[in-house]
Amino acid sequence: MFFTSGENEKLLDKAVFFSKFLPDGQKRRVNLAEANDGEVLFGEISKNCLLQLNNVMELTYQPMIERLEDKKYWGECDPEYIEEF
């Protein structure tokens, strides 16, 4: 196991990440008695994370957005912005 920011060491396989979220200036220990209190974000990434993100966008979100042709789903959004999106 090793810790890195990823700037100098390349990801060779899968990795996990942990990030603690607290309002600015606050400091407190992680509550180990709580399974998921929303203060620690965690997940898994692979060395192909950009490819995975592209696949999710292309294969999941793009088809859903393309089906939103009916203007009622876009509310008062300007048609120019709808087309750009």
N, C-alpha and C. Protein backbone atom coordinates (compact mmCIF):
# COMPACT_ATOMS: atom_id res chain seq x y z
N MET A 1 0.84 -1.16 0.00
CA MET A 1 0.00 0.00 0.00
C MET A 1 0.89 1.23 0.00
N PHE A 2 0.50 2.22 -0.77
CA PHE A 2 1.22 3.49 -0.74
C PHE A 2 0.23 4.63 -0.96
N PHE A 3 0.61 5.81 -0.56
CA PHE A 3 -0.22 7.00 -0.70
C PHE A 3 0.44 7.93 -1.71
N THR A 4 -0.36 8.51 -2.59
CA THR A 4 0.17 9.41 -3.59
C THR A 4 -0.90 10.38 -4.05
N SER A 5 -0.48 11.51 -4.56
CA SER A 5 -1.41 12.46 -5.17
C SER A 5 -1.62 12.12 -6.63
N GLY A 6 -0.77 11.26 -7.18
CA GLY A 6 -0.88 10.86 -8.57
C GLY A 6 -0.08 11.71 -9.53
N GLU A 7 0.57 12.74 -9.03
CA GLU A 7 1.32 13.62 -9.91
C GLU A 7 2.59 12.97 -10.43
N ASN A 8 3.29 12.21 -9.59
CA ASN A 8 4.56 11.61 -10.00
C ASN A 8 4.46 10.11 -10.26
N GLU A 9 3.58 9.43 -9.54
CA GLU A 9 3.43 8.00 -9.70
C GLU A 9 2.19 7.71 -10.54
N LYS A 10 2.32 6.88 -11.55
CA LYS A 10 1.20 6.52 -12.41
C LYS A 10 0.40 5.40 -11.76
N LEU A 11 -0.89 5.42 -11.98
CA LEU A 11 -1.76 4.37 -11.47
C LEU A 11 -1.58 3.13 -12.32
N LEU A 12 -1.24 2.02 -11.69
CA LEU A 12 -0.96 0.78 -12.42
C LEU A 12 -2.19 -0.11 -12.54
N ASP A 13 -3.11 -0.02 -11.60
CA ASP A 13 -4.31 -0.86 -11.63
C ASP A 13 -5.42 -0.10 -10.92
N LYS A 14 -6.17 -0.75 -10.09
CA LYS A 14 -7.24 -0.08 -9.35
C LYS A 14 -6.68 0.63 -8.13
N ALA A 15 -7.40 1.65 -7.70
CA ALA A 15 -7.03 2.38 -6.50
C ALA A 15 -8.29 2.82 -5.78
N VAL A 16 -8.17 3.11 -4.52
CA VAL A 16 -9.28 3.67 -3.76
C VAL A 16 -8.90 5.08 -3.33
N PHE A 17 -9.91 5.90 -3.11
CA PHE A 17 -9.65 7.26 -2.65
C PHE A 17 -10.57 7.58 -1.48
N PHE A 18 -10.11 8.46 -0.62
CA PHE A 18 -10.87 8.94 0.51
C PHE A 18 -10.68 10.45 0.57
N SER A 19 -11.76 11.17 0.79
CA SER A 19 -11.68 12.62 0.90
C SER A 19 -12.66 13.06 1.98
N LYS A 20 -12.19 13.85 2.91
CA LYS A 20 -13.00 14.30 4.04
C LYS A 20 -13.55 15.70 3.75
N PHE A 21 -14.85 15.87 3.93
CA PHE A 21 -15.49 17.15 3.66
C PHE A 21 -16.05 17.76 4.93
N LEU A 22 -15.53 18.92 5.27
CA LEU A 22 -16.01 19.70 6.40
C LEU A 22 -16.04 21.16 5.99
N PRO A 23 -16.94 21.95 6.57
CA PRO A 23 -16.93 23.39 6.28
C PRO A 23 -15.57 24.00 6.60
N ASP A 24 -15.22 25.05 5.90
CA ASP A 24 -13.92 25.70 6.09
C ASP A 24 -13.65 26.00 7.56
N GLY A 25 -12.43 25.69 7.97
CA GLY A 25 -12.01 26.00 9.33
C GLY A 25 -12.38 24.96 10.37
N GLN A 26 -13.29 24.05 10.05
CA GLN A 26 -13.69 23.04 11.02
C GLN A 26 -12.73 21.86 10.98
N LYS A 27 -12.46 21.33 12.15
CA LYS A 27 -11.62 20.13 12.27
C LYS A 27 -12.27 19.21 13.27
N ARG A 28 -12.42 17.95 12.90
CA ARG A 28 -12.89 16.94 13.85
C ARG A 28 -12.52 15.57 13.32
N ARG A 29 -12.46 14.63 14.22
CA ARG A 29 -12.10 13.26 13.85
C ARG A 29 -13.26 12.60 13.10
N VAL A 30 -12.91 11.63 12.27
CA VAL A 30 -13.93 10.85 11.58
C VAL A 30 -14.67 10.01 12.61
N ASN A 31 -15.99 10.00 12.53
CA ASN A 31 -16.82 9.22 13.45
C ASN A 31 -16.83 7.77 12.98
N LEU A 32 -16.06 6.92 13.62
CA LEU A 32 -15.94 5.52 13.22
C LEU A 32 -17.17 4.70 13.60
N ALA A 33 -18.04 5.23 14.46
CA ALA A 33 -19.25 4.52 14.85
C ALA A 33 -20.35 4.66 13.79
N GLU A 34 -20.21 5.60 12.89
CA GLU A 34 -21.20 5.85 11.84
C GLU A 34 -20.69 5.29 10.52
N ALA A 35 -21.50 4.44 9.88
CA ALA A 35 -21.07 3.78 8.63
C ALA A 35 -20.86 4.79 7.51
N ASN A 36 -21.78 5.72 7.33
CA ASN A 36 -21.64 6.71 6.27
C ASN A 36 -22.40 7.97 6.66
N ASP A 37 -21.68 8.90 7.24
CA ASP A 37 -22.32 10.14 7.69
C ASP A 37 -22.16 11.28 6.70
N GLY A 38 -21.60 11.01 5.53
CA GLY A 38 -21.48 12.02 4.49
C GLY A 38 -20.24 12.90 4.60
N GLU A 39 -19.44 12.72 5.62
CA GLU A 39 -18.25 13.55 5.77
C GLU A 39 -17.06 12.99 5.01
N VAL A 40 -17.05 11.70 4.74
CA VAL A 40 -15.95 11.09 4.00
C VAL A 40 -16.47 10.52 2.70
N LEU A 41 -15.96 11.04 1.61
CA LEU A 41 -16.29 10.52 0.29
C LEU A 41 -15.24 9.48 -0.05
N PHE A 42 -15.68 8.35 -0.58
CA PHE A 42 -14.74 7.30 -0.92
C PHE A 42 -15.20 6.59 -2.18
N GLY A 43 -14.28 5.97 -2.86
CA GLY A 43 -14.62 5.25 -4.06
C GLY A 43 -13.42 4.53 -4.64
N GLU A 44 -13.64 3.98 -5.81
CA GLU A 44 -12.61 3.21 -6.50
C GLU A 44 -12.43 3.78 -7.89
N ILE A 45 -11.20 3.88 -8.33
CA ILE A 45 -10.92 4.32 -9.70
C ILE A 45 -9.94 3.33 -10.32
N SER A 46 -9.93 3.31 -11.63
CA SER A 46 -8.99 2.43 -12.33
C SER A 46 -8.04 3.28 -13.15
N LYS A 47 -7.05 2.63 -13.72
CA LYS A 47 -6.09 3.39 -14.54
C LYS A 47 -6.74 3.95 -15.79
N ASN A 48 -7.92 3.45 -16.13
CA ASN A 48 -8.64 3.93 -17.32
C ASN A 48 -9.83 4.80 -16.93
N CYS A 49 -9.68 5.63 -15.90
CA CYS A 49 -10.83 6.37 -15.38
C CYS A 49 -11.40 7.35 -16.41
N LEU A 50 -10.59 7.95 -17.24
CA LEU A 50 -11.12 8.87 -18.26
C LEU A 50 -11.93 8.12 -19.31
N LEU A 51 -11.48 6.95 -19.68
CA LEU A 51 -12.24 6.11 -20.62
C LEU A 51 -13.56 5.70 -20.00
N GLN A 52 -13.55 5.35 -18.72
CA GLN A 52 -14.79 4.98 -18.04
C GLN A 52 -15.75 6.17 -17.99
N LEU A 53 -15.25 7.34 -17.67
CA LEU A 53 -16.09 8.54 -17.64
C LEU A 53 -16.69 8.80 -19.00
N ASN A 54 -15.88 8.70 -20.05
CA ASN A 54 -16.37 8.90 -21.40
C ASN A 54 -17.48 7.90 -21.74
N ASN A 55 -17.30 6.64 -21.37
CA ASN A 55 -18.31 5.62 -21.64
C ASN A 55 -19.62 5.92 -20.93
N VAL A 56 -19.53 6.34 -19.68
CA VAL A 56 -20.75 6.68 -18.93
C VAL A 56 -21.47 7.84 -19.60
N MET A 57 -20.71 8.87 -19.97
CA MET A 57 -21.33 10.03 -20.62
C MET A 57 -21.95 9.66 -21.96
N GLU A 58 -21.21 8.90 -22.75
CA GLU A 58 -21.64 8.56 -24.11
C GLU A 58 -22.76 7.52 -24.13
N LEU A 59 -22.68 6.53 -23.26
CA LEU A 59 -23.63 5.42 -23.32
C LEU A 59 -24.81 5.56 -22.38
N THR A 60 -24.71 6.44 -21.39
CA THR A 60 -25.80 6.60 -20.44
C THR A 60 -26.47 7.96 -20.55
N TYR A 61 -25.70 9.01 -20.31
CA TYR A 61 -26.30 10.34 -20.25
C TYR A 61 -26.69 10.89 -21.62
N GLN A 62 -25.87 10.72 -22.62
CA GLN A 62 -26.19 11.26 -23.94
C GLN A 62 -27.51 10.71 -24.48
N PRO A 63 -27.75 9.39 -24.45
CA PRO A 63 -29.05 8.89 -24.93
C PRO A 63 -30.24 9.44 -24.12
N MET A 64 -30.06 9.60 -22.80
CA MET A 64 -31.16 10.16 -22.00
C MET A 64 -31.45 11.59 -22.40
N ILE A 65 -30.40 12.38 -22.60
CA ILE A 65 -30.58 13.79 -22.96
C ILE A 65 -31.20 13.91 -24.35
N GLU A 66 -30.77 13.07 -25.26
CA GLU A 66 -31.31 13.12 -26.63
C GLU A 66 -32.81 12.81 -26.65
N ARG A 67 -33.31 12.05 -25.68
CA ARG A 67 -34.74 11.73 -25.62
C ARG A 67 -35.55 12.88 -25.03
N LEU A 68 -34.89 13.90 -24.51
CA LEU A 68 -35.60 15.03 -23.91
C LEU A 68 -35.92 16.10 -24.96
N GLU A 69 -36.56 15.70 -26.03
CA GLU A 69 -36.87 16.66 -27.09
C GLU A 69 -38.03 17.57 -26.72
N ASP A 70 -38.92 17.08 -25.90
CA ASP A 70 -40.08 17.87 -25.48
C ASP A 70 -39.61 19.06 -24.66
N LYS A 71 -40.00 20.25 -25.03
CA LYS A 71 -39.55 21.49 -24.38
C LYS A 71 -39.94 21.56 -22.91
N LYS A 72 -40.98 20.82 -22.49
CA LYS A 72 -41.41 20.93 -21.09
C LYS A 72 -40.33 20.45 -20.12
N TYR A 73 -39.45 19.58 -20.56
CA TYR A 73 -38.39 19.07 -19.69
C TYR A 73 -37.30 20.11 -19.47
N TRP A 74 -37.20 21.07 -20.34
CA TRP A 74 -36.12 22.05 -20.25
C TRP A 74 -36.56 23.34 -19.55
N GLY A 75 -37.80 23.44 -19.19
CA GLY A 75 -38.29 24.63 -18.49
C GLY A 75 -38.11 25.88 -19.33
N GLU A 76 -37.55 26.93 -18.75
CA GLU A 76 -37.38 28.20 -19.44
C GLU A 76 -35.99 28.35 -20.04
N CYS A 77 -35.29 27.25 -20.22
CA CYS A 77 -33.93 27.28 -20.77
C CYS A 77 -33.96 27.80 -22.21
N ASP A 78 -33.04 28.69 -22.53
CA ASP A 78 -32.93 29.26 -23.86
C ASP A 78 -32.60 28.16 -24.87
N PRO A 79 -33.29 28.11 -26.03
CA PRO A 79 -33.03 27.06 -27.03
C PRO A 79 -31.56 26.96 -27.45
N GLU A 80 -30.86 28.08 -27.45
CA GLU A 80 -29.45 28.08 -27.81
C GLU A 80 -28.63 27.23 -26.81
N TYR A 81 -28.96 27.35 -25.53
CA TYR A 81 -28.25 26.59 -24.51
C TYR A 81 -28.63 25.11 -24.54
N ILE A 82 -29.90 24.83 -24.87
CA ILE A 82 -30.32 23.43 -25.03
C ILE A 82 -29.52 22.76 -26.12
N GLU A 83 -29.39 23.42 -27.25
CA GLU A 83 -28.64 22.86 -28.37
C GLU A 83 -27.17 22.67 -28.01
N GLU A 84 -26.60 23.65 -27.32
CA GLU A 84 -25.18 23.55 -26.92
C GLU A 84 -24.97 22.38 -25.97
N PHE A 85 -25.92 22.20 -25.04
CA PHE A 85 -25.80 21.12 -24.07
C PHE A 85 -25.86 19.77 -24.75
